[in-house]
Amino acid sequence: MSLTLVPLLLDAGIDPARTLVIRHAYVREPEDSGLQGIHADSTDAEILEYTRTQSANTMRFPSNPPHLWVVFIREGGDQARLWSVVENRGEISSDGILRTFDLVQSDHMADLWSRLVIGWKSPRTWRMNATTAASYPVMAIADAEPIPFPGFDRLLLSHSQLQAVMREHRYASWRTALSSVFGIYLITDTRDGRHYVGKADGVESIRQRWNAHATNGHGGNVELRALDPATFQLSLLRVFDPATPTRDIDAAESHFKTALDTRRHGLNRN
């Protein structure tokens, strides 16, 4: 039995009954349409802008479109490559001809963006309910392009991004780099700005400590157990060679806790 789109949607937490699937084509829109077309060199921002503008004619586009839209780009006559998944936060304007929606890119299926290619059974159909597209066959899942490691002092990761770094092949060089160092790291709860200073030393590299945080959010720390990791942001304060004496790493940890006042006004208990 061949793989279809439906298990990939369900694995990503997407309910096909509440999702719209769109396939864009590289075409120049008529000048009187009010729309800007897209082409092979269009940026993500341009594709998003193109997606957020839709016809006010309810025969062409649903009057009440769902919250999630899975967006593909036409590839050949009978295939489509996944561009992104966007969240529809509602209609923001309409002039009776065109409607504009507040769309933001979602993390859903992010590991498959630009990689997933499906067969498209209805060449003339450019949008449909996901319950229909769910049966479309998966034609290919390409290897992900590797993402270069930005450097220790430029890391700034949300919790969902951290999970991707710890899981996806395209971040292999990041995991290698994080495995090579001990250090002091910072978790900021972006809901209220409180900080947690943590360390990786002894037998645990930064990768091992962050993998624990990616798995359950708190990484075994009592201070973080009651918090939702969805709003965590992680960064590195200082990295050390694994040969560095533990006392030096402990001293650095204590310094940052004092400097950031995380014992009194943050999330560190000691």
Protein backbone atom coordinates (compact mmCIF):
# COMPACT_ATOMS: atom_id res chain seq x y z
CA MET A 1 0.00 0.00 0.00
CA SER A 2 1.42 3.38 -1.01
CA LEU A 3 1.87 6.23 1.46
CA THR A 4 -0.73 9.00 1.24
CA LEU A 5 -0.94 12.49 2.67
CA VAL A 6 -3.35 11.62 5.51
CA PRO A 7 -0.87 9.98 7.97
CA LEU A 8 1.51 12.92 7.53
CA LEU A 9 -1.28 15.36 8.35
CA LEU A 10 -2.39 13.38 11.39
CA ASP A 11 1.20 12.94 12.61
CA ALA A 12 1.58 16.73 12.48
CA GLY A 13 -1.56 17.21 14.59
CA ILE A 14 -3.61 18.46 11.64
CA ASP A 15 -7.29 17.52 11.47
CA PRO A 16 -8.15 17.08 7.77
CA ALA A 17 -11.80 17.91 8.47
CA ARG A 18 -10.76 21.38 9.64
CA THR A 19 -8.05 22.15 7.10
CA LEU A 20 -7.83 23.69 3.64
CA VAL A 21 -5.31 22.52 1.04
CA ILE A 22 -4.14 24.96 -1.65
CA ARG A 23 -1.94 24.43 -4.70
CA HIS A 24 -0.42 27.57 -6.18
CA ALA A 25 0.89 27.69 -9.73
CA TYR A 26 3.61 29.92 -11.13
CA VAL A 27 1.45 32.21 -13.25
CA ARG A 28 1.26 35.88 -14.02
CA GLU A 29 -2.07 37.16 -12.76
CA PRO A 30 -4.21 39.31 -15.11
CA GLU A 31 -3.57 43.01 -14.57
CA ASP A 32 -7.21 43.65 -13.66
CA SER A 33 -7.27 40.90 -11.01
CA GLY A 34 -5.61 43.02 -8.33
CA LEU A 35 -3.36 40.07 -7.48
CA GLN A 36 0.40 39.76 -7.72
CA GLY A 37 1.51 36.47 -9.23
CA ILE A 38 4.35 34.30 -7.96
CA HIS A 39 7.25 32.73 -9.80
CA ALA A 40 10.07 30.28 -9.16
CA ASP A 41 12.18 32.95 -7.46
CA SER A 42 9.43 34.32 -5.22
CA THR A 43 10.42 34.69 -1.59
CA ASP A 44 8.50 33.14 1.28
CA ALA A 45 7.19 36.62 2.12
CA GLU A 46 5.88 37.04 -1.43
CA ILE A 47 4.22 33.63 -1.43
CA LEU A 48 2.62 34.40 1.94
CA GLU A 49 1.35 37.74 0.62
CA TYR A 50 -0.06 36.00 -2.46
CA THR A 51 -1.77 33.40 -0.28
CA ARG A 52 -3.40 35.91 2.05
CA THR A 53 -5.28 37.64 -0.80
CA GLN A 54 -8.26 35.64 -2.05
CA SER A 55 -11.39 36.18 -4.12
CA ALA A 56 -14.50 37.52 -2.42
CA ASN A 57 -16.54 35.25 -4.69
CA THR A 58 -17.61 32.38 -2.42
CA MET A 59 -17.82 30.11 -5.45
CA ARG A 60 -14.05 30.51 -5.79
CA PHE A 61 -13.05 30.59 -2.13
CA PRO A 62 -14.87 29.47 1.06
CA SER A 63 -16.86 32.15 2.87
CA ASN A 64 -15.56 30.85 6.20
CA PRO A 65 -12.16 29.20 5.55
CA PRO A 66 -10.67 27.01 8.31
CA HIS A 67 -7.88 27.88 10.70
CA LEU A 68 -5.12 25.88 8.96
CA TRP A 69 -4.16 26.02 5.28
CA VAL A 70 -1.66 23.54 3.86
CA VAL A 71 -0.04 25.26 0.89
CA PHE A 72 1.64 23.48 -2.01
CA ILE A 73 3.33 24.77 -5.18
CA ARG A 74 2.54 23.11 -8.49
CA GLU A 75 5.34 20.90 -9.82
CA GLY A 76 4.73 19.56 -13.29
CA GLY A 77 1.17 18.89 -14.37
CA ASP A 78 0.19 16.36 -11.76
CA GLN A 79 2.35 16.95 -8.68
CA ALA A 80 2.73 19.52 -5.92
CA ARG A 81 5.54 20.34 -3.49
CA LEU A 82 4.75 21.44 0.07
CA TRP A 83 5.61 25.09 0.63
CA SER A 84 4.30 25.68 4.17
CA VAL A 85 1.37 25.50 6.55
CA VAL A 86 -0.23 28.78 7.58
CA GLU A 87 -2.62 29.76 10.33
CA ASN A 88 -5.62 31.83 9.30
CA ARG A 89 -6.29 34.36 12.04
CA GLY A 90 -9.29 35.83 10.28
CA GLU A 91 -10.32 38.15 7.48
CA ILE A 92 -8.99 41.68 7.87
CA SER A 93 -10.43 43.41 4.78
CA SER A 94 -12.69 42.98 1.77
CA ASP A 95 -13.63 45.31 -1.07
CA GLY A 96 -16.24 42.99 -2.53
CA ILE A 97 -13.76 41.67 -5.08
CA LEU A 98 -10.79 40.61 -2.97
CA ARG A 99 -10.54 39.50 0.65
CA THR A 100 -7.37 39.76 2.72
CA PHE A 101 -6.61 37.38 5.56
CA ASP A 102 -4.24 37.63 8.51
CA LEU A 103 -1.97 34.65 7.87
CA VAL A 104 1.14 33.54 9.74
CA GLN A 105 3.37 30.58 9.04
CA SER A 106 2.87 27.68 11.44
CA ASP A 107 5.38 25.10 12.65
CA HIS A 108 3.12 22.29 11.41
CA MET A 109 4.99 19.91 9.07
CA ALA A 110 8.02 22.23 9.13
CA ASP A 111 10.38 19.28 8.68
CA LEU A 112 8.67 18.54 5.35
CA TRP A 113 8.60 22.04 3.85
CA SER A 114 10.08 21.99 0.33
CA ARG A 115 10.69 18.24 0.71
CA LEU A 116 7.26 16.61 0.44
CA VAL A 117 5.91 16.02 -3.07
CA ILE A 118 2.43 14.59 -3.59
CA GLY A 119 0.47 13.55 -6.65
CA TRP A 120 -2.29 16.02 -7.55
CA LYS A 121 -5.23 14.15 -9.08
CA SER A 122 -7.26 17.20 -10.14
CA PRO A 123 -5.07 19.44 -12.33
CA ARG A 124 -7.76 22.15 -12.65
CA THR A 125 -8.46 22.27 -8.92
CA TRP A 126 -6.29 24.67 -6.94
CA ARG A 127 -7.93 24.37 -3.51
CA MET A 128 -9.89 21.70 -1.69
CA ASN A 129 -10.77 20.41 1.74
CA ALA A 130 -7.96 18.37 3.27
CA THR A 131 -10.30 15.38 3.57
CA THR A 132 -10.14 15.16 -0.24
CA ALA A 133 -6.39 15.79 -0.54
CA ALA A 134 -5.70 13.30 2.28
CA SER A 135 -5.94 10.39 -0.17
CA TYR A 136 -3.41 11.90 -2.58
CA PRO A 137 -0.26 9.78 -2.88
CA VAL A 138 3.15 10.79 -1.58
CA MET A 139 5.51 10.80 -4.56
CA ALA A 140 8.74 11.77 -2.79
CA ILE A 141 10.24 13.12 0.41
CA ALA A 142 13.56 14.69 -0.52
CA ASP A 143 16.57 14.91 1.75
CA ALA A 144 16.52 18.14 3.73
CA GLU A 145 19.05 20.81 2.87
CA PRO A 146 21.52 21.12 5.77
CA ILE A 147 21.30 24.37 7.74
CA PRO A 148 24.73 25.81 8.66
CA PHE A 149 25.48 26.17 12.37
CA PRO A 150 25.34 29.93 13.15
CA GLY A 151 27.85 29.91 16.02
CA PHE A 152 27.42 29.56 19.76
CA ASP A 153 26.95 33.29 20.37
CA ARG A 154 24.13 33.59 17.83
CA LEU A 155 21.86 30.80 19.04
CA LEU A 156 18.36 31.89 20.02
CA LEU A 157 15.83 29.05 19.93
CA SER A 158 12.18 28.68 20.79
CA HIS A 159 11.23 25.35 22.35
CA SER A 160 9.75 24.10 19.06
CA GLN A 161 12.93 25.11 17.24
CA LEU A 162 15.00 23.30 19.86
CA GLN A 163 12.99 20.13 19.24
CA ALA A 164 13.68 20.44 15.51
CA VAL A 165 17.42 20.92 16.15
CA MET A 166 17.51 17.76 18.27
CA ARG A 167 15.49 15.70 15.79
CA GLU A 168 15.96 16.73 12.17
CA HIS A 169 18.73 15.67 9.80
CA ARG A 170 19.25 19.20 8.48
CA TYR A 171 20.54 20.26 11.93
CA ALA A 172 23.17 17.50 12.20
CA SER A 173 26.05 20.03 12.30
CA TRP A 174 24.33 21.89 15.14
CA ARG A 175 24.15 18.73 17.23
CA THR A 176 27.81 18.01 16.53
CA ALA A 177 28.80 21.50 17.68
CA LEU A 178 26.63 21.35 20.82
CA SER A 179 28.09 17.93 21.67
CA SER A 180 31.60 19.40 21.72
CA VAL A 181 31.14 21.90 24.56
CA PHE A 182 30.07 22.34 28.15
CA GLY A 183 28.67 25.65 29.23
CA ILE A 184 26.15 27.97 30.81
CA TYR A 185 22.81 28.47 29.12
CA LEU A 186 19.77 30.68 29.61
CA ILE A 187 16.09 29.82 29.41
CA THR A 188 13.73 32.79 29.25
CA ASP A 189 10.01 32.36 29.77
CA THR A 190 8.80 34.92 27.23
CA ARG A 191 5.40 35.18 28.92
CA ASP A 192 6.80 37.11 31.88
CA GLY A 193 10.52 37.57 31.15
CA ARG A 194 11.76 35.40 34.02
CA HIS A 195 15.13 33.70 33.48
CA TYR A 196 16.59 30.32 34.37
CA VAL A 197 20.36 29.85 34.29
CA GLY A 198 21.47 26.27 33.71
CA LYS A 199 24.75 24.49 33.10
CA ALA A 200 26.14 21.48 31.32
CA ASP A 201 29.28 19.94 32.78
CA GLY A 202 30.73 16.66 33.99
CA VAL A 203 29.30 13.94 31.76
CA GLU A 204 26.70 16.13 30.03
CA SER A 205 27.40 18.33 27.02
CA ILE A 206 25.17 21.21 26.00
CA ARG A 207 23.55 18.88 23.50
CA GLN A 208 22.66 16.36 26.19
CA ARG A 209 21.22 18.98 28.51
CA TRP A 210 19.24 20.64 25.73
CA ASN A 211 17.98 17.30 24.49
CA ALA A 212 16.46 16.77 27.93
CA HIS A 213 14.75 20.16 27.68
CA ALA A 214 13.55 19.34 24.17
CA THR A 215 12.02 16.11 25.45
CA ASN A 216 9.99 17.38 28.39
CA GLY A 217 10.62 21.12 28.72
CA HIS A 218 11.94 21.11 32.27
CA GLY A 219 14.98 18.86 31.72
CA GLY A 220 14.58 17.48 35.25
CA ASN A 221 14.66 20.91 36.92
CA VAL A 222 12.05 21.41 39.63
CA GLU A 223 11.83 25.15 38.93
CA LEU A 224 10.55 24.56 35.40
CA ARG A 225 8.21 21.62 35.91
CA ALA A 226 5.07 23.70 36.40
CA LEU A 227 5.68 25.86 33.32
CA ASP A 228 4.57 25.41 29.71
CA PRO A 229 7.75 25.12 27.60
CA ALA A 230 5.93 26.45 24.53
CA THR A 231 7.04 29.97 25.51
CA PHE A 232 10.64 29.08 26.42
CA GLN A 233 13.53 30.70 24.58
CA LEU A 234 17.02 29.19 24.88
CA SER A 235 20.42 30.77 24.35
CA LEU A 236 24.03 30.21 25.40
CA LEU A 237 25.76 32.55 27.85
CA ARG A 238 29.21 30.96 27.78
CA VAL A 239 30.75 27.77 26.43
CA PHE A 240 33.70 25.79 27.80
CA ASP A 241 36.07 23.17 26.49
CA PRO A 242 35.24 19.77 28.09
CA ALA A 243 38.67 19.83 29.76
CA THR A 244 37.67 22.89 31.82
CA PRO A 245 37.68 22.19 35.58
CA THR A 246 34.20 21.86 37.06
CA ARG A 247 34.93 24.60 39.59
CA ASP A 248 35.38 27.13 36.76
CA ILE A 249 32.04 26.22 35.23
CA ASP A 250 30.37 26.38 38.66
CA ALA A 251 31.84 29.85 39.20
CA ALA A 252 30.51 31.05 35.84
CA GLU A 253 27.06 29.65 36.62
CA SER A 254 26.99 31.46 39.99
CA HIS A 255 28.12 34.70 38.32
CA PHE A 256 25.30 34.67 35.77
CA LYS A 257 22.70 33.81 38.40
CA THR A 258 23.84 36.84 40.39
CA ALA A 259 24.14 39.11 37.36
CA LEU A 260 20.66 38.23 36.13
CA ASP A 261 19.21 38.02 39.65
CA THR A 262 17.58 34.70 38.84
CA ARG A 263 17.45 33.47 42.44
CA ARG A 264 15.23 36.31 43.72
CA HIS A 265 13.38 37.35 40.57
CA GLY A 266 13.87 34.42 38.26
CA LEU A 267 13.46 30.68 38.12
CA ASN A 268 16.56 29.41 39.95
CA ARG A 269 16.07 28.10 43.48
CA ASN A 270 19.73 28.10 44.44
